[in-house]
Amino acid sequence: MAKKKAAKKSAKKASARKKKTTRTRRSFTSKLKLACAKLVVEEKVPAKMVASELKVSEANVRLWSTKFKKEGEKAFREELSARAKTLFNAARKELR
């Protein structure tokens, strides 16, 4: 009887593993981050309200607001990838 229960439990675990779906990680543009941060910091709109309106987490809005307070607009400048920087620098040298 104990073996049957153990077999049922392992079958349930196996089926539960199969049902899991992978979630893709969302990314947000620098413009969105900056807009959210400005609403919270400059316009004094509550972070909770901004988050619910834009369907992002409140924690993200708070992080962006804190970063904006510390670094200003330069906090959300889009960075070039390492490959893009290399190509850009090579093109710059060729033009000289």
N, C-alpha and C. Protein backbone atom coordinates (compact mmCIF):
# COMPACT_ATOMS: atom_id res chain seq x y z
N MET A 1 0.82 -1.19 0.00
CA MET A 1 0.00 0.00 0.00
C MET A 1 0.87 1.26 0.00
N ALA A 2 1.95 1.24 0.77
CA ALA A 2 2.84 2.39 0.83
C ALA A 2 3.52 2.63 -0.51
N LYS A 3 3.79 1.52 -1.24
CA LYS A 3 4.42 1.66 -2.55
C LYS A 3 3.48 2.34 -3.54
N LYS A 4 2.18 2.03 -3.44
CA LYS A 4 1.20 2.64 -4.35
C LYS A 4 1.11 4.14 -4.11
N LYS A 5 1.12 4.54 -2.82
CA LYS A 5 1.05 5.97 -2.50
C LYS A 5 2.29 6.70 -3.01
N ALA A 6 3.44 6.06 -2.84
CA ALA A 6 4.69 6.67 -3.32
C ALA A 6 4.68 6.80 -4.83
N ALA A 7 4.15 5.80 -5.51
CA ALA A 7 4.08 5.83 -6.97
C ALA A 7 3.15 6.94 -7.43
N LYS A 8 2.01 7.10 -6.73
CA LYS A 8 1.06 8.16 -7.09
C LYS A 8 1.69 9.54 -6.90
N LYS A 9 2.42 9.72 -5.78
CA LYS A 9 3.06 11.00 -5.51
C LYS A 9 4.09 11.34 -6.58
N SER A 10 4.90 10.35 -6.98
CA SER A 10 5.91 10.63 -7.99
C SER A 10 5.26 10.91 -9.35
N ALA A 11 4.14 10.26 -9.63
CA ALA A 11 3.42 10.52 -10.88
C ALA A 11 2.85 11.94 -10.88
N LYS A 12 2.33 12.38 -9.73
CA LYS A 12 1.80 13.74 -9.63
C LYS A 12 2.90 14.77 -9.82
N LYS A 13 4.07 14.51 -9.22
CA LYS A 13 5.20 15.44 -9.36
C LYS A 13 5.65 15.52 -10.81
N ALA A 14 5.70 14.38 -11.48
CA ALA A 14 6.12 14.36 -12.87
C ALA A 14 5.15 15.13 -13.75
N SER A 15 3.85 14.96 -13.50
CA SER A 15 2.87 15.68 -14.31
C SER A 15 2.90 17.18 -13.99
N ALA A 16 3.18 17.52 -12.74
CA ALA A 16 3.28 18.93 -12.35
C ALA A 16 4.47 19.59 -13.05
N ARG A 17 5.56 18.85 -13.19
CA ARG A 17 6.74 19.39 -13.86
C ARG A 17 6.45 19.65 -15.34
N LYS A 18 5.68 18.79 -15.95
CA LYS A 18 5.36 18.94 -17.36
C LYS A 18 4.46 20.15 -17.60
N LYS A 19 3.62 20.49 -16.66
CA LYS A 19 2.65 21.57 -16.82
C LYS A 19 3.28 22.96 -16.71
N LYS A 20 4.46 23.05 -16.13
CA LYS A 20 5.10 24.35 -15.94
C LYS A 20 5.39 24.99 -17.29
N THR A 21 5.10 26.26 -17.37
CA THR A 21 5.42 27.00 -18.58
C THR A 21 6.54 27.98 -18.26
N THR A 22 7.33 28.25 -19.24
CA THR A 22 8.42 29.20 -19.01
C THR A 22 7.90 30.61 -19.26
N ARG A 23 8.34 31.51 -18.45
CA ARG A 23 7.93 32.90 -18.59
C ARG A 23 9.08 33.68 -19.22
N THR A 24 8.75 34.53 -20.14
CA THR A 24 9.78 35.37 -20.72
C THR A 24 9.94 36.61 -19.86
N ARG A 25 11.14 37.04 -19.74
CA ARG A 25 11.43 38.20 -18.91
C ARG A 25 11.13 39.47 -19.70
N ARG A 26 10.36 40.35 -19.10
CA ARG A 26 10.01 41.59 -19.78
C ARG A 26 11.15 42.59 -19.66
N SER A 27 11.28 43.41 -20.67
CA SER A 27 12.27 44.49 -20.60
C SER A 27 11.55 45.80 -20.87
N PHE A 28 12.07 46.86 -20.32
CA PHE A 28 11.43 48.16 -20.42
C PHE A 28 12.40 49.16 -21.04
N THR A 29 11.88 50.02 -21.87
CA THR A 29 12.74 51.01 -22.53
C THR A 29 13.16 52.09 -21.54
N SER A 30 14.23 52.75 -21.91
CA SER A 30 14.71 53.85 -21.08
C SER A 30 13.68 54.97 -20.99
N LYS A 31 12.95 55.18 -22.08
CA LYS A 31 11.92 56.23 -22.08
C LYS A 31 10.83 55.93 -21.06
N LEU A 32 10.41 54.67 -20.99
CA LEU A 32 9.37 54.30 -20.02
C LEU A 32 9.87 54.48 -18.60
N LYS A 33 11.09 54.02 -18.34
CA LYS A 33 11.66 54.15 -17.00
C LYS A 33 11.76 55.62 -16.59
N LEU A 34 12.23 56.44 -17.52
CA LEU A 34 12.36 57.86 -17.22
C LEU A 34 11.00 58.51 -16.98
N ALA A 35 10.03 58.16 -17.79
CA ALA A 35 8.68 58.73 -17.62
C ALA A 35 8.09 58.33 -16.27
N CYS A 36 8.24 57.08 -15.90
CA CYS A 36 7.73 56.62 -14.59
C CYS A 36 8.41 57.36 -13.45
N ALA A 37 9.73 57.45 -13.54
CA ALA A 37 10.49 58.11 -12.48
C ALA A 37 10.10 59.58 -12.35
N LYS A 38 9.92 60.26 -13.48
CA LYS A 38 9.54 61.67 -13.44
C LYS A 38 8.15 61.86 -12.83
N LEU A 39 7.23 60.96 -13.16
CA LEU A 39 5.89 61.06 -12.58
C LEU A 39 5.95 60.97 -11.06
N VAL A 40 6.74 60.04 -10.57
CA VAL A 40 6.82 59.83 -9.12
C VAL A 40 7.58 60.96 -8.44
N VAL A 41 8.73 61.31 -8.99
CA VAL A 41 9.60 62.29 -8.32
C VAL A 41 9.13 63.73 -8.53
N GLU A 42 8.87 64.10 -9.77
CA GLU A 42 8.56 65.50 -10.06
C GLU A 42 7.07 65.83 -9.93
N GLU A 43 6.22 64.92 -10.36
CA GLU A 43 4.78 65.18 -10.34
C GLU A 43 4.11 64.67 -9.05
N LYS A 44 4.86 63.97 -8.24
CA LYS A 44 4.37 63.45 -6.95
C LYS A 44 3.19 62.47 -7.10
N VAL A 45 3.17 61.72 -8.19
CA VAL A 45 2.15 60.69 -8.38
C VAL A 45 2.62 59.46 -7.60
N PRO A 46 1.74 58.83 -6.83
CA PRO A 46 2.16 57.65 -6.05
C PRO A 46 2.68 56.52 -6.96
N ALA A 47 3.75 55.88 -6.51
CA ALA A 47 4.36 54.79 -7.28
C ALA A 47 3.36 53.67 -7.55
N LYS A 48 2.51 53.41 -6.60
CA LYS A 48 1.51 52.36 -6.77
C LYS A 48 0.57 52.66 -7.93
N MET A 49 0.17 53.92 -8.06
CA MET A 49 -0.73 54.32 -9.12
C MET A 49 -0.04 54.23 -10.49
N VAL A 50 1.20 54.69 -10.56
CA VAL A 50 1.96 54.63 -11.81
C VAL A 50 2.12 53.17 -12.23
N ALA A 51 2.47 52.32 -11.28
CA ALA A 51 2.68 50.91 -11.57
C ALA A 51 1.42 50.24 -12.09
N SER A 52 0.30 50.51 -11.46
CA SER A 52 -0.94 49.87 -11.88
C SER A 52 -1.40 50.37 -13.25
N GLU A 53 -1.21 51.66 -13.53
CA GLU A 53 -1.61 52.22 -14.82
C GLU A 53 -0.78 51.66 -15.96
N LEU A 54 0.51 51.47 -15.72
CA LEU A 54 1.41 51.02 -16.77
C LEU A 54 1.66 49.52 -16.74
N LYS A 55 1.03 48.83 -15.80
CA LYS A 55 1.14 47.38 -15.67
C LYS A 55 2.59 46.91 -15.50
N VAL A 56 3.29 47.59 -14.60
CA VAL A 56 4.63 47.18 -14.18
C VAL A 56 4.60 47.03 -12.67
N SER A 57 5.61 46.40 -12.12
CA SER A 57 5.59 46.20 -10.67
C SER A 57 5.93 47.51 -9.94
N GLU A 58 5.35 47.63 -8.78
CA GLU A 58 5.60 48.82 -7.96
C GLU A 58 7.07 48.89 -7.56
N ALA A 59 7.68 47.72 -7.34
CA ALA A 59 9.09 47.68 -6.97
C ALA A 59 9.96 48.28 -8.07
N ASN A 60 9.64 47.97 -9.33
CA ASN A 60 10.40 48.55 -10.44
C ASN A 60 10.25 50.06 -10.46
N VAL A 61 9.05 50.54 -10.30
CA VAL A 61 8.82 51.99 -10.32
C VAL A 61 9.61 52.66 -9.20
N ARG A 62 9.63 52.06 -8.04
CA ARG A 62 10.39 52.63 -6.92
C ARG A 62 11.89 52.62 -7.20
N LEU A 63 12.39 51.52 -7.79
CA LEU A 63 13.81 51.45 -8.14
C LEU A 63 14.18 52.52 -9.16
N TRP A 64 13.35 52.68 -10.18
CA TRP A 64 13.62 53.69 -11.21
C TRP A 64 13.58 55.09 -10.61
N SER A 65 12.65 55.32 -9.69
CA SER A 65 12.53 56.64 -9.06
C SER A 65 13.76 56.95 -8.22
N THR A 66 14.22 55.98 -7.48
CA THR A 66 15.42 56.15 -6.65
C THR A 66 16.64 56.44 -7.52
N LYS A 67 16.76 55.69 -8.61
CA LYS A 67 17.88 55.88 -9.53
C LYS A 67 17.82 57.27 -10.16
N PHE A 68 16.62 57.72 -10.50
CA PHE A 68 16.44 59.04 -11.08
C PHE A 68 16.81 60.14 -10.08
N LYS A 69 16.45 59.96 -8.82
CA LYS A 69 16.79 60.95 -7.79
C LYS A 69 18.31 61.08 -7.66
N LYS A 70 19.02 59.94 -7.73
CA LYS A 70 20.46 59.95 -7.54
C LYS A 70 21.23 60.45 -8.75
N GLU A 71 20.81 60.00 -9.96
CA GLU A 71 21.61 60.25 -11.15
C GLU A 71 20.97 61.18 -12.18
N GLY A 72 19.71 61.49 -12.00
CA GLY A 72 19.03 62.33 -12.98
C GLY A 72 18.71 61.58 -14.27
N GLU A 73 18.53 62.32 -15.35
CA GLU A 73 18.15 61.72 -16.62
C GLU A 73 19.22 60.80 -17.20
N LYS A 74 20.47 61.04 -16.85
CA LYS A 74 21.54 60.20 -17.40
C LYS A 74 21.48 58.77 -16.87
N ALA A 75 20.68 58.54 -15.85
CA ALA A 75 20.53 57.19 -15.29
C ALA A 75 19.91 56.23 -16.29
N PHE A 76 19.15 56.76 -17.25
CA PHE A 76 18.44 55.88 -18.17
C PHE A 76 18.90 56.01 -19.61
N ARG A 77 20.10 56.48 -19.81
CA ARG A 77 20.65 56.50 -21.16
C ARG A 77 20.87 55.06 -21.61
N GLU A 78 20.50 54.81 -22.84
CA GLU A 78 20.67 53.45 -23.34
C GLU A 78 22.13 53.22 -23.67
N GLU A 79 22.65 52.14 -23.14
CA GLU A 79 24.05 51.80 -23.34
C GLU A 79 24.22 51.01 -24.63
N LEU A 80 25.31 51.27 -25.32
CA LEU A 80 25.64 50.46 -26.48
C LEU A 80 26.23 49.14 -26.02
N SER A 81 25.99 48.08 -26.76
CA SER A 81 26.57 46.79 -26.42
C SER A 81 28.07 46.86 -26.70
N ALA A 82 28.81 45.91 -26.16
CA ALA A 82 30.26 45.89 -26.35
C ALA A 82 30.60 45.76 -27.83
N ARG A 83 29.85 44.96 -28.56
CA ARG A 83 30.08 44.78 -30.00
C ARG A 83 29.81 46.09 -30.74
N ALA A 84 28.74 46.77 -30.39
CA ALA A 84 28.41 48.03 -31.04
C ALA A 84 29.49 49.08 -30.77
N LYS A 85 30.02 49.11 -29.55
CA LYS A 85 31.08 50.05 -29.21
C LYS A 85 32.33 49.79 -30.05
N THR A 86 32.66 48.50 -30.21
CA THR A 86 33.83 48.13 -30.99
C THR A 86 33.68 48.57 -32.44
N LEU A 87 32.50 48.31 -33.01
CA LEU A 87 32.24 48.71 -34.39
C LEU A 87 32.26 50.23 -34.54
N PHE A 88 31.69 50.91 -33.59
CA PHE A 88 31.64 52.37 -33.62
C PHE A 88 33.05 52.95 -33.56
N ASN A 89 33.88 52.43 -32.66
CA ASN A 89 35.25 52.92 -32.52
C ASN A 89 36.07 52.62 -33.77
N ALA A 90 35.86 51.46 -34.38
CA ALA A 90 36.58 51.11 -35.61
C ALA A 90 36.18 52.06 -36.73
N ALA A 91 34.90 52.36 -36.85
CA ALA A 91 34.44 53.28 -37.89
C ALA A 91 35.00 54.67 -37.66
N ARG A 92 35.08 55.08 -36.43
CA ARG A 92 35.61 56.41 -36.08
C ARG A 92 37.08 56.52 -36.50
N LYS A 93 37.86 55.43 -36.24
CA LYS A 93 39.28 55.44 -36.61
C LYS A 93 39.46 55.53 -38.12
N GLU A 94 38.59 54.84 -38.87
CA GLU A 94 38.68 54.86 -40.33
C GLU A 94 38.41 56.25 -40.89
N LEU A 95 37.55 57.00 -40.23
CA LEU A 95 37.20 58.32 -40.72
C LEU A 95 38.29 59.35 -40.46
N ARG A 96 39.22 59.06 -39.57
CA ARG A 96 40.29 60.00 -39.24
C ARG A 96 41.38 60.02 -40.27
